[in-house]
Protein backbone atom coordinates (compact mmCIF):
# COMPACT_ATOMS: atom_id res chain seq x y z
CA MET A 1 0.08 0.13 -0.14
CA ILE A 2 1.25 3.15 -0.76
CA ASN A 3 1.69 5.91 1.70
CA VAL A 4 0.14 9.01 0.45
CA GLN A 5 1.45 11.46 3.22
CA ARG A 6 4.47 10.51 2.77
CA VAL A 7 4.77 10.69 -1.20
CA LEU A 8 3.00 14.09 -0.63
CA LYS A 9 6.46 14.97 1.52
CA ASN A 10 8.28 14.27 -1.59
CA PRO A 11 7.32 16.84 -4.74
CA ARG A 12 9.80 14.88 -7.36
CA ALA A 13 7.77 11.52 -6.17
CA MET A 14 4.50 12.74 -6.49
CA SER A 15 4.77 14.35 -9.48
CA ALA A 16 6.29 11.07 -10.93
CA LEU A 17 3.56 8.83 -9.40
CA THR A 18 0.34 11.39 -9.93
CA GLY A 19 2.02 14.04 -12.70
CA VAL A 20 0.60 16.73 -10.21
CA THR A 21 2.56 18.74 -7.50
CA PRO A 22 1.69 18.35 -3.66
CA GLU A 23 0.01 22.06 -4.14
CA GLU A 24 -1.94 20.90 -7.03
CA PHE A 25 -3.21 18.10 -5.29
CA ASN A 26 -4.10 20.15 -2.41
CA GLN A 27 -5.97 22.09 -3.96
CA LEU A 28 -7.85 19.73 -6.03
CA LEU A 29 -8.74 17.45 -2.82
CA PRO A 30 -11.65 19.80 -1.60
CA ILE A 31 -13.71 19.81 -4.56
CA PHE A 32 -13.11 16.11 -5.22
CA SER A 33 -14.56 15.33 -2.05
CA LYS A 34 -17.14 17.35 -2.40
CA VAL A 35 -18.10 15.60 -5.89
CA TRP A 36 -17.69 12.29 -4.16
CA ASP A 37 -20.38 13.34 -1.24
CA SER A 38 -22.60 14.16 -3.88
CA SER A 39 -22.40 11.00 -6.03
CA LYS A 40 -22.87 8.83 -2.97
CA ARG A 41 -26.33 11.03 -2.00
CA SER A 42 -27.50 10.65 -5.28
CA GLN A 43 -26.80 6.81 -4.91
CA HIS A 44 -28.53 6.56 -1.74
CA LYS A 45 -31.53 8.39 -3.00
CA ARG A 46 -31.49 6.06 -6.17
CA ASN A 47 -31.59 2.94 -3.39
CA ALA A 48 -34.64 4.25 -1.70
CA GLY A 49 -32.50 5.01 1.41
CA ILE A 50 -32.21 1.28 2.74
CA ARG A 51 -28.77 2.02 4.32
CA LYS A 52 -27.33 5.15 5.62
CA ILE A 53 -24.55 6.90 3.76
CA GLY A 54 -21.01 5.28 4.51
CA ALA A 55 -22.98 1.89 5.76
CA GLY A 56 -21.68 -1.36 4.58
CA ARG A 57 -18.05 -2.83 3.91
CA LYS A 58 -15.20 -0.24 3.88
CA GLY A 59 -13.05 -0.45 0.78
CA PHE A 60 -9.20 -0.58 0.46
CA LEU A 61 -9.22 3.37 -0.18
CA LYS A 62 -10.20 4.42 3.48
CA THR A 63 -9.28 8.00 3.06
CA MET A 64 -10.05 10.75 0.51
CA GLU A 65 -6.58 11.48 -0.21
CA SER A 66 -6.01 8.04 -1.00
CA LYS A 67 -9.17 8.04 -3.34
CA LEU A 68 -7.64 10.71 -5.49
CA PHE A 69 -4.34 9.64 -5.28
CA TYR A 70 -5.26 6.16 -6.71
CA ILE A 71 -6.86 7.75 -9.76
CA LEU A 72 -4.13 10.12 -10.47
CA PHE A 73 -1.76 7.37 -10.16
CA TYR A 74 -3.58 5.10 -12.33
CA TYR A 75 -3.75 8.14 -15.07
CA LYS A 76 0.14 8.65 -14.59
CA CYS A 77 1.48 5.46 -14.32
CA TYR A 78 -1.59 3.54 -16.36
CA PRO A 79 -0.55 0.25 -14.11
CA THR A 80 -2.19 -3.37 -15.09
CA TYR A 81 -5.06 -4.08 -12.48
CA ASP A 82 -2.89 -7.17 -11.57
CA LEU A 83 -0.02 -4.60 -10.67
CA LEU A 84 -2.64 -2.26 -8.51
CA SER A 85 -4.05 -5.37 -6.77
CA ILE A 86 -0.48 -6.33 -5.67
CA ILE A 87 0.31 -2.50 -4.58
CA TYR A 88 -3.10 -1.88 -2.98
CA GLU A 89 -3.52 -5.79 -1.71
CA CYS A 90 -6.79 -6.26 -3.29
CA ASN A 91 -8.81 -8.36 -5.83
CA ARG A 92 -8.21 -7.12 -9.70
CA SER A 93 -11.97 -6.64 -10.21
CA ASN A 94 -12.00 -4.20 -7.29
CA ALA A 95 -9.19 -2.54 -8.56
CA CYS A 96 -10.89 -2.05 -11.76
CA ARG A 97 -14.62 -0.89 -10.46
CA ARG A 98 -12.84 1.88 -8.14
CA GLN A 99 -10.83 3.07 -11.55
CA PHE A 100 -13.92 3.95 -13.01
CA GLU A 101 -15.59 4.80 -10.41
CA LEU A 102 -13.15 7.41 -9.32
CA GLY A 103 -12.76 8.59 -12.96
CA ASN A 104 -15.96 10.06 -13.26
CA ILE A 105 -15.61 11.42 -10.03
CA LEU A 106 -12.19 13.14 -11.06
CA GLU A 107 -13.99 14.38 -14.70
CA LYS A 108 -16.54 15.71 -12.86
CA THR A 109 -14.31 17.57 -10.34
CA LEU A 110 -12.27 18.97 -13.54
CA GLY A 111 -15.50 20.26 -14.86
CA ARG A 112 -16.04 22.09 -11.52
CA LYS A 113 -12.79 23.71 -11.95
CA LEU A 114 -13.54 24.63 -15.08
CA VAL A 115 -10.78 23.24 -16.70
CA LEU A 116 -11.85 20.60 -19.27
CA PRO A 117 -12.03 21.45 -22.83
CA GLU A 118 -14.95 22.17 -24.85
CA ARG A 119 -16.41 18.90 -26.83
CA GLN A 120 -18.52 20.74 -29.75
CA MET A 121 -17.92 23.34 -32.31
CA LYS A 122 -21.37 23.87 -33.89
CA LYS A 123 -22.07 27.22 -33.36
CA LEU A 124 -20.00 30.38 -33.26
CA GLU A 125 -20.81 31.04 -29.46
CA GLU A 126 -19.47 27.79 -28.68
CA PHE A 127 -15.86 29.08 -30.15
CA PHE A 128 -16.20 32.01 -28.24
CA LYS A 129 -16.87 29.80 -25.28
CA ALA A 130 -13.88 27.96 -25.82
CA PHE A 131 -11.71 30.56 -26.46
CA PRO A 132 -12.90 33.85 -25.34
CA GLU A 133 -9.64 36.53 -25.42
CA ALA A 134 -7.83 34.18 -28.06
CA LYS A 135 -5.98 36.14 -31.32
CA GLU A 136 -4.63 32.98 -32.69
CA VAL A 137 -5.67 29.21 -32.48
CA PHE A 138 -3.38 25.96 -33.37
CA ILE A 139 -4.93 23.14 -34.61
CA ASP A 140 -3.73 19.64 -34.91
CA GLY A 141 -4.33 16.03 -35.04
CA THR A 142 -3.14 13.64 -32.16
CA GLU A 143 -3.03 9.60 -32.42
CA ARG A 144 -2.57 7.26 -29.81
CA PRO A 145 -1.61 3.41 -30.06
CA ILE A 146 -4.24 0.89 -29.35
CA GLN A 147 -3.63 -2.89 -29.35
CA ARG A 148 -4.78 -4.47 -32.57
CA PRO A 149 -8.17 -5.23 -32.60
CA LYS A 150 -9.24 -8.85 -33.15
CA ASP A 151 -12.20 -7.69 -35.92
CA LYS A 152 -11.09 -7.20 -39.05
CA GLU A 153 -13.14 -4.22 -40.35
CA LYS A 154 -11.89 -2.54 -36.64
CA GLN A 155 -8.14 -3.25 -37.97
CA LYS A 156 -8.97 -1.38 -41.39
CA GLU A 157 -10.79 1.55 -39.43
CA ASN A 158 -7.81 2.03 -36.89
CA TYR A 159 -4.93 1.28 -38.71
CA SER A 160 -2.81 4.23 -39.40
CA GLY A 161 -0.70 4.72 -42.39
CA LYS A 162 1.25 7.49 -40.70
CA LYS A 163 2.21 5.75 -37.74
CA LYS A 164 2.28 2.25 -39.34
CA ARG A 165 -0.06 1.03 -36.42
CA HIS A 166 -3.51 0.61 -34.91
CA THR A 167 -4.46 4.14 -33.41
CA ARG A 168 -7.27 6.48 -32.00
CA LYS A 169 -7.32 9.73 -33.06
CA ASN A 170 -8.34 13.36 -31.81
CA LEU A 171 -8.29 16.67 -33.03
CA VAL A 172 -7.27 19.58 -30.65
CA ILE A 173 -7.29 23.37 -30.75
CA THR A 174 -5.08 25.05 -28.42
CA GLU A 175 -4.15 28.68 -27.19
CA LYS A 176 -0.89 30.20 -27.35
CA ASN A 177 -0.55 29.62 -23.81
CA LYS A 178 -0.99 25.95 -24.41
CA ARG A 179 -4.48 25.41 -22.85
CA VAL A 180 -6.42 22.95 -24.90
CA GLY A 181 -9.81 24.72 -25.43
CA PHE A 182 -11.14 22.09 -27.63
CA LEU A 183 -10.90 18.19 -27.90
CA SER A 184 -13.00 16.71 -30.64
CA LYS A 185 -14.71 12.82 -30.12
CA THR A 186 -12.44 10.09 -30.63
CA VAL A 187 -12.21 8.56 -33.83
CA CYS A 188 -10.66 5.76 -35.86
CA GLY A 189 -6.81 6.14 -36.43
CA LYS A 190 -7.07 6.15 -40.47
CA THR A 191 -9.16 9.32 -40.33
CA HIS A 192 -7.53 12.41 -42.01
CA ASP A 193 -7.12 15.59 -39.96
CA PHE A 194 -8.83 17.73 -42.58
CA THR A 195 -11.72 15.42 -42.41
CA MET A 196 -11.88 15.35 -38.80
CA LEU A 197 -11.84 19.16 -38.85
CA LYS A 198 -14.79 20.07 -41.06
CA GLU A 199 -16.63 17.32 -39.44
CA LEU A 200 -15.93 17.71 -36.07
CA ALA A 201 -15.19 21.24 -35.77
CA ASN A 202 -16.38 23.13 -38.85
CA PRO A 203 -14.43 26.22 -39.90
CA ASN A 204 -17.80 27.48 -41.04
CA LYS A 205 -18.37 28.28 -37.20
CA MET A 206 -15.05 29.93 -36.30
CA PRO A 207 -14.33 33.66 -36.49
CA ALA A 208 -12.40 34.05 -40.02
CA LYS A 209 -10.44 36.66 -38.47
CA ILE A 210 -8.71 34.79 -35.89
CA LYS A 211 -5.55 33.31 -37.31
CA LYS A 212 -5.27 29.16 -37.46
CA HIS A 213 -1.85 27.96 -37.11
CA LEU A 214 -1.88 24.65 -39.62
CA ASP A 215 0.44 21.82 -40.60
CA LEU A 216 0.23 20.02 -44.15
CA GLY A 217 -2.11 17.74 -42.78
CA PHE A 218 -4.87 20.28 -43.55
CA LYS A 219 -3.72 21.08 -47.08
CA GLY A 220 -6.65 22.43 -49.06
CA PHE A 221 -7.88 24.33 -46.09
CA SER A 222 -7.11 27.86 -48.14
CA LYS A 223 -9.02 26.79 -51.02
CA GLN A 224 -12.37 25.54 -49.15
CA PHE A 225 -12.17 28.40 -46.59
CA PRO A 226 -10.46 31.55 -48.35
CA GLU A 227 -12.16 34.03 -46.12
CA HIS A 228 -10.43 32.55 -43.18
CA LYS A 229 -6.86 33.74 -41.96
CA ILE A 230 -4.11 30.72 -41.73
CA SER A 231 -0.40 30.06 -41.51
CA MET A 232 0.63 26.84 -42.77
CA PRO A 233 4.08 25.94 -44.40
CA LYS A 234 4.73 25.41 -47.99
CA ARG A 235 5.14 22.15 -49.78
CA LYS A 236 8.11 21.02 -51.47
CA PRO A 237 6.87 20.48 -54.94
CA ARG A 238 7.49 16.83 -56.39
CA THR A 239 10.03 18.09 -59.38
CA LYS A 240 11.64 21.39 -57.64
CA GLU A 241 12.95 22.71 -54.58
CA LEU A 242 11.61 25.29 -52.14
CA THR A 243 13.47 28.54 -52.50
CA GLU A 244 15.19 29.85 -49.83
CA PHE A 245 13.24 32.35 -48.87
CA ALA A 246 10.26 29.69 -48.39
CA LYS A 247 12.58 27.73 -46.67
CA GLU A 248 12.89 30.45 -43.94
CA GLN A 249 9.42 31.17 -43.55
CA ASN A 250 8.63 27.46 -43.19
CA LYS A 251 11.04 27.51 -40.25
CA LYS A 252 9.39 30.56 -39.03
CA LYS A 253 5.78 29.03 -38.97
CA SER A 254 7.10 25.95 -37.64
CA SER A 255 8.82 27.74 -34.50
CA ILE A 256 5.24 29.27 -33.96
CA ARG A 257 3.24 25.90 -34.29
CA VAL A 258 5.56 24.05 -32.08
CA LEU A 259 3.56 25.61 -29.39
CA VAL A 260 0.63 22.97 -30.44
CA GLU A 261 3.04 20.38 -29.74
CA ASN A 262 4.33 21.37 -26.63
CA ALA A 263 0.65 21.33 -25.47
CA LEU A 264 0.41 17.55 -26.57
CA ALA A 265 3.35 16.82 -25.07
CA GLY A 266 2.10 18.33 -21.57
CA VAL A 267 -0.89 15.95 -22.05
CA LYS A 268 0.80 12.79 -22.68
CA ARG A 269 2.82 13.11 -19.46
CA LEU A 270 0.26 10.44 -18.50
CA ARG A 271 0.74 7.11 -19.55
CA ILE A 272 -2.59 6.46 -20.17
CA VAL A 273 -2.83 8.40 -23.25
CA THR A 274 0.89 7.73 -24.43
CA ASP A 275 1.06 3.77 -23.59
CA VAL A 276 -0.47 1.15 -25.78
CA PHE A 277 -3.99 1.40 -25.10
CA ARG A 278 -5.43 -2.08 -23.08
CA ASN A 279 -8.81 -1.17 -21.84
CA LYS A 280 -11.89 -2.36 -23.56
CA LYS A 281 -14.92 -0.63 -22.01
CA LYS A 282 -16.69 1.21 -24.77
CA ASP A 283 -15.75 5.29 -24.92
CA PHE A 284 -13.13 4.80 -22.36
CA ASP A 285 -10.34 5.86 -24.70
CA ASP A 286 -12.18 9.04 -25.43
CA GLN A 287 -12.59 9.47 -21.31
CA ALA A 288 -8.97 8.94 -20.85
CA MET A 289 -7.84 11.88 -23.43
CA PHE A 290 -10.50 14.36 -21.91
CA ILE A 291 -9.49 13.71 -18.34
CA SER A 292 -5.68 14.30 -19.23
CA CYS A 293 -6.33 17.42 -21.21
CA GLY A 294 -8.53 18.87 -17.98
CA LEU A 295 -5.44 17.95 -16.05
CA TRP A 296 -3.04 19.81 -18.33
CA ASN A 297 -4.87 22.53 -18.20
CA TYR A 298 -5.51 22.68 -14.61
CA HIS A 299 -1.72 22.28 -14.42
CA LEU A 300 -1.53 25.68 -16.31
CA ALA A 301 -4.10 27.27 -14.41
CA ILE A 302 -2.29 26.81 -11.11
CA LYS A 303 1.10 27.05 -12.46
């Protein structure tokens, strides 16, 4: 069993095991506790008040600190349930159930902290809600490896020619301060970046005057949306070389666009969105990325 109070006294160990500092942990804990109590009261009402709140057998996570540490530890280190059962001296099925239960609590907690990214971009108002003061945004697609599906159709859908492996994919829109303001739903790895943008965050629902930094995965954007202000590197022609001026311009654009890569690197500090994704529960891959983005935004807000 991990001694949470001991780890809290060691900032380096805390960051390595949970991805947050002791200060961030302590500021998140009160709201996490309130969401937990609210969830238990709702569950008590659904059960028609048969037993008192807190009655019944006590679990292996006895304090609120241990509950928050457990779910943050899972997202940062992404251990198997067998390993969790050894560390916490519990049954692996209990380790699994607690992970999903506490994951939902953590998502609601981050929602109360107003750090979760927006999931829809169907109206102009939704863009301004996600980016109230932004003068420029950075758009990119990000892929995460998954285990090779057994179903042949799912194999084809999730195989990424770019990564040469099976992946799941999201579209993210970030600000200059690296905050993830929008996260699309998770789709198959073979889906093209530009196709995702048009389907999940249509540029017609974004202000044309706000500058958009794009990479070559969005080639054709300027033709389909000529009224929008964009920054995109110039692609090398098949039979010619780029001019020195074009190369210099590409370097400048890349040095600015790297901010979205830095934001994704911050999100992927958590191994649950970096390692090969093992979980098979429906939509959990989407929730994992959603919470990971929320934790990164929370880190930026506290920082």
